[in-house]
């Protein structure tokens, strides 16, 4: 359910893109420092977005350095130096990933369950470090939210809004945790809408796979166990677009002191997230075309025989 919150990089200036990439690299280093080296395997751009929001709300000054790393050994890369916002995001990521792994152990089968079983000891270690950093209350909120989400999915609720709303509340807690009252309201509103968007986008992305494997997907239940046709998929895409309006309205209330962060956040909400939906649809069409070509080739082979 991660990896959807990204920029539309061609629309960013070079300095803005370097700032964004430096935030991502800085978060990676902070995860190694705060929650253990293994936690860096769970790094995602979603939490780089969270880091930029937290830096803005806390009016935190940032600085950058250049270093090589195992992933990029030949050339030094910009990275944001360690700060409290990166430390918080590292801890929040560790908590969310731990509880997601625990949830997969009870709900998934096959490779996904085996993967969760192998990762759980490492994620438990990362969670322990996050709890020592004072994130116990956030841990309870995430655990409670994911338990509610799991219950809703197990019950087979034929609604997109209910499970998406639960995930939205989880992200609202993560963004707004320990912020001042007005900032907490804005952060919660932003997290609530982006969280719902992420859940719906993920459900759309996994439609075919969930139908094949008999997994829960709210859209399958809404449409009687069948895949939605193009008209219905267009309705889903429109709903996702409308979902972003509230997030954009919340972001407009934020007081940006760093112009680069402001441009990156707006790029993500106005361009990056819609682009992810387009990519989901393009990938689906590409897979369908490939499947049809393979089927036609097999039919021609059979006819020749």
Protein backbone atom coordinates (compact mmCIF):
# COMPACT_ATOMS: atom_id res chain seq x y z
CA UNK A 1 0.00 0.00 0.00
CA UNK A 2 3.02 2.22 -0.37
CA UNK A 3 4.86 3.87 -3.23
CA UNK A 4 2.05 5.95 -4.73
CA UNK A 5 2.98 9.37 -3.33
CA UNK A 6 5.58 10.72 -5.74
CA UNK A 7 6.43 13.84 -7.66
CA UNK A 8 6.01 14.44 -11.35
CA UNK A 9 9.75 14.99 -11.77
CA UNK A 10 9.77 16.63 -15.26
CA UNK A 11 7.70 19.50 -13.84
CA UNK A 12 10.17 20.27 -11.03
CA UNK A 13 13.12 22.61 -11.33
CA UNK A 14 16.52 20.95 -10.97
CA UNK A 15 17.10 22.48 -7.53
CA UNK A 16 13.65 21.35 -6.36
CA UNK A 17 14.22 17.81 -7.58
CA UNK A 18 17.63 17.71 -5.86
CA UNK A 19 15.95 18.91 -2.65
CA UNK A 20 13.34 16.16 -2.97
CA UNK A 21 15.89 13.45 -3.72
CA UNK A 22 18.10 14.74 -0.92
CA UNK A 23 15.17 14.43 1.50
CA UNK A 24 14.68 10.83 0.39
CA UNK A 25 18.39 10.03 0.86
CA UNK A 26 18.46 11.84 4.21
CA UNK A 27 15.46 9.81 5.39
CA UNK A 28 17.26 6.62 4.38
CA UNK A 29 20.27 7.58 6.49
CA UNK A 30 18.09 8.63 9.42
CA UNK A 31 16.27 5.29 9.31
CA UNK A 32 19.60 3.52 9.64
CA UNK A 33 20.55 5.79 12.53
CA UNK A 34 17.22 5.72 14.42
CA UNK A 35 15.57 2.37 13.70
CA UNK A 36 18.39 0.12 12.46
CA UNK A 37 20.00 -0.60 9.11
CA UNK A 38 17.42 -3.23 8.14
CA UNK A 39 14.62 -0.67 8.37
CA UNK A 40 16.14 1.09 5.35
CA UNK A 41 14.75 -1.74 3.21
CA UNK A 42 11.26 -0.32 3.82
CA UNK A 43 12.14 3.19 2.62
CA UNK A 44 9.45 4.78 0.45
CA UNK A 45 8.74 8.15 -1.13
CA UNK A 46 5.52 8.32 0.87
CA UNK A 47 7.54 9.05 4.01
CA UNK A 48 9.73 11.56 2.20
CA UNK A 49 6.49 13.45 1.56
CA UNK A 50 5.65 13.13 5.26
CA UNK A 51 9.09 14.50 6.17
CA UNK A 52 8.53 17.59 4.02
CA UNK A 53 5.16 18.18 5.70
CA UNK A 54 6.61 17.81 9.19
CA UNK A 55 9.50 20.15 8.40
CA UNK A 56 6.96 22.76 7.25
CA UNK A 57 4.67 22.39 10.27
CA UNK A 58 7.59 22.53 12.72
CA UNK A 59 9.31 25.36 10.80
CA UNK A 60 12.51 23.35 10.99
CA UNK A 61 15.74 24.51 9.36
CA UNK A 62 17.40 21.96 7.12
CA UNK A 63 20.87 21.53 5.67
CA UNK A 64 22.42 19.18 3.14
CA UNK A 65 25.66 17.30 2.67
CA UNK A 66 27.16 14.96 0.09
CA UNK A 67 28.20 11.35 0.62
CA UNK A 68 28.48 8.04 -1.15
CA UNK A 69 26.48 5.02 -0.01
CA UNK A 70 26.16 1.31 -0.80
CA UNK A 71 23.35 2.01 -3.25
CA UNK A 72 25.38 4.72 -5.02
CA UNK A 73 29.07 3.94 -4.41
CA UNK A 74 30.57 5.74 -7.43
CA UNK A 75 29.19 9.24 -7.04
CA UNK A 76 28.41 11.39 -4.02
CA UNK A 77 24.75 12.31 -3.65
CA UNK A 78 23.02 15.11 -1.83
CA UNK A 79 21.31 14.11 1.39
CA UNK A 80 19.39 16.06 4.02
CA UNK A 81 21.29 16.02 7.28
CA UNK A 82 19.66 14.37 10.26
CA UNK A 83 16.95 16.41 12.00
CA UNK A 84 13.94 15.83 14.25
CA UNK A 85 11.49 15.54 11.35
CA UNK A 86 13.53 12.81 9.67
CA UNK A 87 13.90 11.03 13.01
CA UNK A 88 10.14 11.14 13.54
CA UNK A 89 9.42 9.83 10.03
CA UNK A 90 11.90 6.99 10.53
CA UNK A 91 10.08 5.97 13.71
CA UNK A 92 6.61 6.33 12.19
CA UNK A 93 7.66 4.22 9.20
CA UNK A 94 9.02 1.52 11.53
CA UNK A 95 5.74 1.38 13.46
CA UNK A 96 3.52 1.29 10.39
CA UNK A 97 5.65 -1.34 8.67
CA UNK A 98 5.76 -3.54 11.78
CA UNK A 99 2.00 -3.58 12.19
CA UNK A 100 1.49 -4.09 8.44
CA UNK A 101 3.81 -7.12 8.60
CA UNK A 102 1.90 -8.49 11.61
CA UNK A 103 -1.35 -8.00 9.69
CA UNK A 104 0.04 -9.83 6.64
CA UNK A 105 0.97 -12.81 8.84
CA UNK A 106 -2.66 -13.32 9.78
CA UNK A 107 -4.30 -12.42 6.45
CA UNK A 108 -1.94 -13.41 3.62
CA UNK A 109 -0.94 -16.74 2.14
CA UNK A 110 1.99 -18.09 0.15
CA UNK A 111 4.94 -15.84 -0.67
CA UNK A 112 3.52 -12.73 1.03
CA UNK A 113 3.07 -14.61 4.30
CA UNK A 114 6.57 -16.10 4.05
CA UNK A 115 8.00 -12.63 3.37
CA UNK A 116 6.18 -11.25 6.42
CA UNK A 117 7.46 -14.11 8.56
CA UNK A 118 11.06 -13.42 7.54
CA UNK A 119 10.79 -9.64 8.00
CA UNK A 120 8.96 -9.60 11.32
CA UNK A 121 12.04 -10.00 13.61
CA UNK A 122 13.78 -7.09 11.87
CA UNK A 123 10.66 -4.93 11.98
CA UNK A 124 10.15 -5.79 15.66
CA UNK A 125 13.66 -4.51 16.37
CA UNK A 126 12.94 -1.27 14.48
CA UNK A 127 9.64 -0.83 16.33
CA UNK A 128 11.40 -1.27 19.67
CA UNK A 129 13.75 1.59 18.81
CA UNK A 130 10.82 3.78 17.75
CA UNK A 131 9.04 3.10 21.03
CA UNK A 132 12.15 4.11 22.97
CA UNK A 133 12.04 7.41 21.06
CA UNK A 134 8.68 8.20 22.65
CA UNK A 135 6.24 7.08 19.93
CA UNK A 136 4.21 4.71 22.10
CA UNK A 137 0.97 6.67 21.67
CA UNK A 138 1.37 6.72 17.90
CA UNK A 139 2.07 2.97 17.96
CA UNK A 140 -1.26 2.39 19.71
CA UNK A 141 -3.13 4.54 17.18
CA UNK A 142 -1.58 2.69 14.22
CA UNK A 143 -2.23 -0.74 15.75
CA UNK A 144 -5.84 0.17 16.54
CA UNK A 145 -6.43 1.56 13.04
CA UNK A 146 -4.95 -1.42 11.21
CA UNK A 147 -6.95 -3.79 13.44
CA UNK A 148 -10.14 -1.96 12.45
CA UNK A 149 -9.10 -2.06 8.80
CA UNK A 150 -8.37 -5.79 8.99
CA UNK A 151 -11.77 -6.44 10.62
CA UNK A 152 -13.55 -4.47 7.89
CA UNK A 153 -11.74 -6.39 5.14
CA UNK A 154 -12.35 -9.78 6.78
CA UNK A 155 -16.06 -9.02 7.10
CA UNK A 156 -16.14 -8.42 3.35
CA UNK A 157 -17.67 -4.96 3.60
CA UNK A 158 -18.88 -3.92 0.14
CA UNK A 159 -17.81 -0.31 0.54
CA UNK A 160 -14.80 1.67 -0.61
CA UNK A 161 -15.39 4.57 1.77
CA UNK A 162 -15.30 2.51 4.98
CA UNK A 163 -11.85 0.85 4.64
CA UNK A 164 -10.40 3.87 2.83
CA UNK A 165 -11.66 6.11 5.61
CA UNK A 166 -10.01 3.92 8.25
CA UNK A 167 -6.67 4.07 6.46
CA UNK A 168 -7.12 7.81 6.07
CA UNK A 169 -7.49 8.15 9.84
CA UNK A 170 -4.24 6.21 10.35
CA UNK A 171 -2.36 8.62 8.09
CA UNK A 172 -4.09 11.56 9.77
CA UNK A 173 -2.69 10.42 13.14
CA UNK A 174 0.80 9.98 11.67
CA UNK A 175 0.96 13.43 10.06
CA UNK A 176 -0.65 15.35 12.94
CA UNK A 177 1.02 13.55 15.86
CA UNK A 178 2.28 15.97 18.54
CA UNK A 179 1.76 19.09 16.41
CA UNK A 180 0.31 22.38 17.65
CA UNK A 181 -3.48 22.57 17.53
CA UNK A 182 -3.96 24.48 14.27
CA UNK A 183 -1.20 22.57 12.48
CA UNK A 184 -2.60 19.30 13.81
CA UNK A 185 -6.00 20.07 12.26
CA UNK A 186 -4.46 20.89 8.89
CA UNK A 187 -2.16 17.85 9.03
CA UNK A 188 -5.02 15.55 9.99
CA UNK A 189 -7.20 16.85 7.15
CA UNK A 190 -4.35 16.37 4.68
CA UNK A 191 -3.54 12.88 5.99
CA UNK A 192 -7.19 11.84 5.99
CA UNK A 193 -7.71 12.67 2.32
CA UNK A 194 -4.33 11.46 1.04
CA UNK A 195 -4.74 8.24 3.06
CA UNK A 196 -8.14 7.58 1.50
CA UNK A 197 -6.66 8.29 -1.93
CA UNK A 198 -3.79 5.83 -1.33
CA UNK A 199 -6.18 3.06 -0.28
CA UNK A 200 -8.47 3.57 -3.28
CA UNK A 201 -5.53 3.78 -5.71
CA UNK A 202 -4.06 0.60 -4.26
CA UNK A 203 -7.41 -1.21 -4.59
CA UNK A 204 -7.65 -0.11 -8.23
CA UNK A 205 -4.07 -1.18 -8.91
CA UNK A 206 -4.62 -4.64 -7.37
CA UNK A 207 -8.01 -5.37 -8.95
CA UNK A 208 -6.92 -8.06 -11.40
CA UNK A 209 -4.52 -9.73 -8.97
CA UNK A 210 -7.08 -9.73 -6.15
CA UNK A 211 -9.73 -11.21 -8.46
CA UNK A 212 -7.32 -13.94 -9.54
CA UNK A 213 -6.25 -14.84 -5.98
CA UNK A 214 -9.62 -14.43 -4.29
CA UNK A 215 -8.45 -11.60 -2.02
CA UNK A 216 -10.60 -8.83 -0.60
CA UNK A 217 -11.08 -5.84 -2.84
CA UNK A 218 -13.97 -3.42 -2.26
CA UNK A 219 -14.47 -2.82 -5.97
CA UNK A 220 -14.94 -6.52 -6.66
CA UNK A 221 -17.64 -6.70 -4.00
CA UNK A 222 -19.33 -3.56 -5.27
CA UNK A 223 -19.52 -4.99 -8.79
CA UNK A 224 -20.68 -8.47 -7.85
CA UNK A 225 -17.30 -10.17 -8.05
CA UNK A 226 -16.60 -9.01 -11.61
CA UNK A 227 -14.01 -6.55 -12.88
CA UNK A 228 -15.43 -3.09 -13.62
CA UNK A 229 -15.79 -2.12 -17.27
CA UNK A 230 -14.21 0.99 -18.76
CA UNK A 231 -17.12 3.24 -17.85
CA UNK A 232 -16.96 2.19 -14.20
CA UNK A 233 -13.16 2.52 -14.14
CA UNK A 234 -13.54 6.07 -15.45
CA UNK A 235 -15.89 6.74 -12.54
CA UNK A 236 -13.26 5.43 -10.12
CA UNK A 237 -10.60 7.67 -11.67
CA UNK A 238 -12.93 10.65 -11.36
CA UNK A 239 -13.58 9.82 -7.70
CA UNK A 240 -9.82 9.69 -7.07
CA UNK A 241 -9.41 13.08 -8.72
CA UNK A 242 -12.19 14.55 -6.57
CA UNK A 243 -10.60 13.03 -3.47
CA UNK A 244 -7.56 15.23 -3.99
CA UNK A 245 -9.52 18.48 -3.83
CA UNK A 246 -9.72 18.34 -0.02
CA UNK A 247 -6.00 17.56 0.21
CA UNK A 248 -5.20 20.54 -1.99
CA UNK A 249 -7.45 22.76 0.13
CA UNK A 250 -5.66 21.63 3.30
CA UNK A 251 -2.23 22.21 1.74
CA UNK A 252 -3.27 25.75 0.81
CA UNK A 253 -3.64 26.48 4.55
CA UNK A 254 -0.04 25.49 5.31
CA UNK A 255 2.50 28.23 5.97
CA UNK A 256 5.47 27.37 3.78
CA UNK A 257 8.73 29.07 4.66
CA UNK A 258 10.76 27.03 2.18
CA UNK A 259 9.82 27.64 -1.46
CA UNK A 260 11.33 24.34 -2.64
CA UNK A 261 9.18 22.35 -0.21
CA UNK A 262 6.10 24.30 -1.26
CA UNK A 263 6.69 23.53 -4.94
CA UNK A 264 7.36 19.85 -4.21
CA UNK A 265 4.20 19.44 -2.10
CA UNK A 266 2.06 21.17 -4.72
CA UNK A 267 3.69 19.11 -7.47
CA UNK A 268 2.82 15.89 -5.65
CA UNK A 269 -0.80 16.83 -5.00
CA UNK A 270 -1.60 18.49 -8.34
CA UNK A 271 0.57 16.43 -10.71
CA UNK A 272 2.30 13.47 -9.09
CA UNK A 273 -0.74 11.70 -7.66
CA UNK A 274 -2.86 12.04 -10.83
CA UNK A 275 0.12 10.76 -12.82
CA UNK A 276 0.19 7.61 -10.65
CA UNK A 277 -3.40 6.83 -11.65
CA UNK A 278 -2.51 7.26 -15.32
CA UNK A 279 0.41 4.86 -14.82
CA UNK A 280 -1.86 2.26 -13.19
CA UNK A 281 -4.17 2.39 -16.20
CA UNK A 282 -1.31 2.32 -18.74
CA UNK A 283 0.25 -0.69 -17.02
CA UNK A 284 -3.11 -2.48 -17.00
CA UNK A 285 -3.63 -1.84 -20.71
CA UNK A 286 -0.09 -3.01 -21.47
CA UNK A 287 -0.66 -6.26 -19.58
CA UNK A 288 -4.00 -6.80 -21.34
CA UNK A 289 -2.40 -6.23 -24.76
CA UNK A 290 0.43 -8.64 -23.93
CA UNK A 291 -2.07 -11.26 -22.78
CA UNK A 292 -4.13 -10.86 -25.97
CA UNK A 293 -1.04 -11.15 -28.19
CA UNK A 294 -0.02 -14.34 -26.41
CA UNK A 295 -3.52 -15.75 -26.77
CA UNK A 296 -3.61 -14.92 -30.50
CA UNK A 297 -0.20 -16.53 -31.05
CA UNK A 298 -1.35 -19.69 -29.29
CA UNK A 299 -4.51 -19.79 -31.42
CA UNK A 300 -2.48 -19.40 -34.64
CA UNK A 301 -0.15 -22.18 -33.52
CA UNK A 302 -3.09 -24.46 -32.79
CA UNK A 303 -4.67 -23.70 -36.21
CA UNK A 304 -1.43 -24.57 -38.02
CA UNK A 305 -1.30 -27.90 -36.25
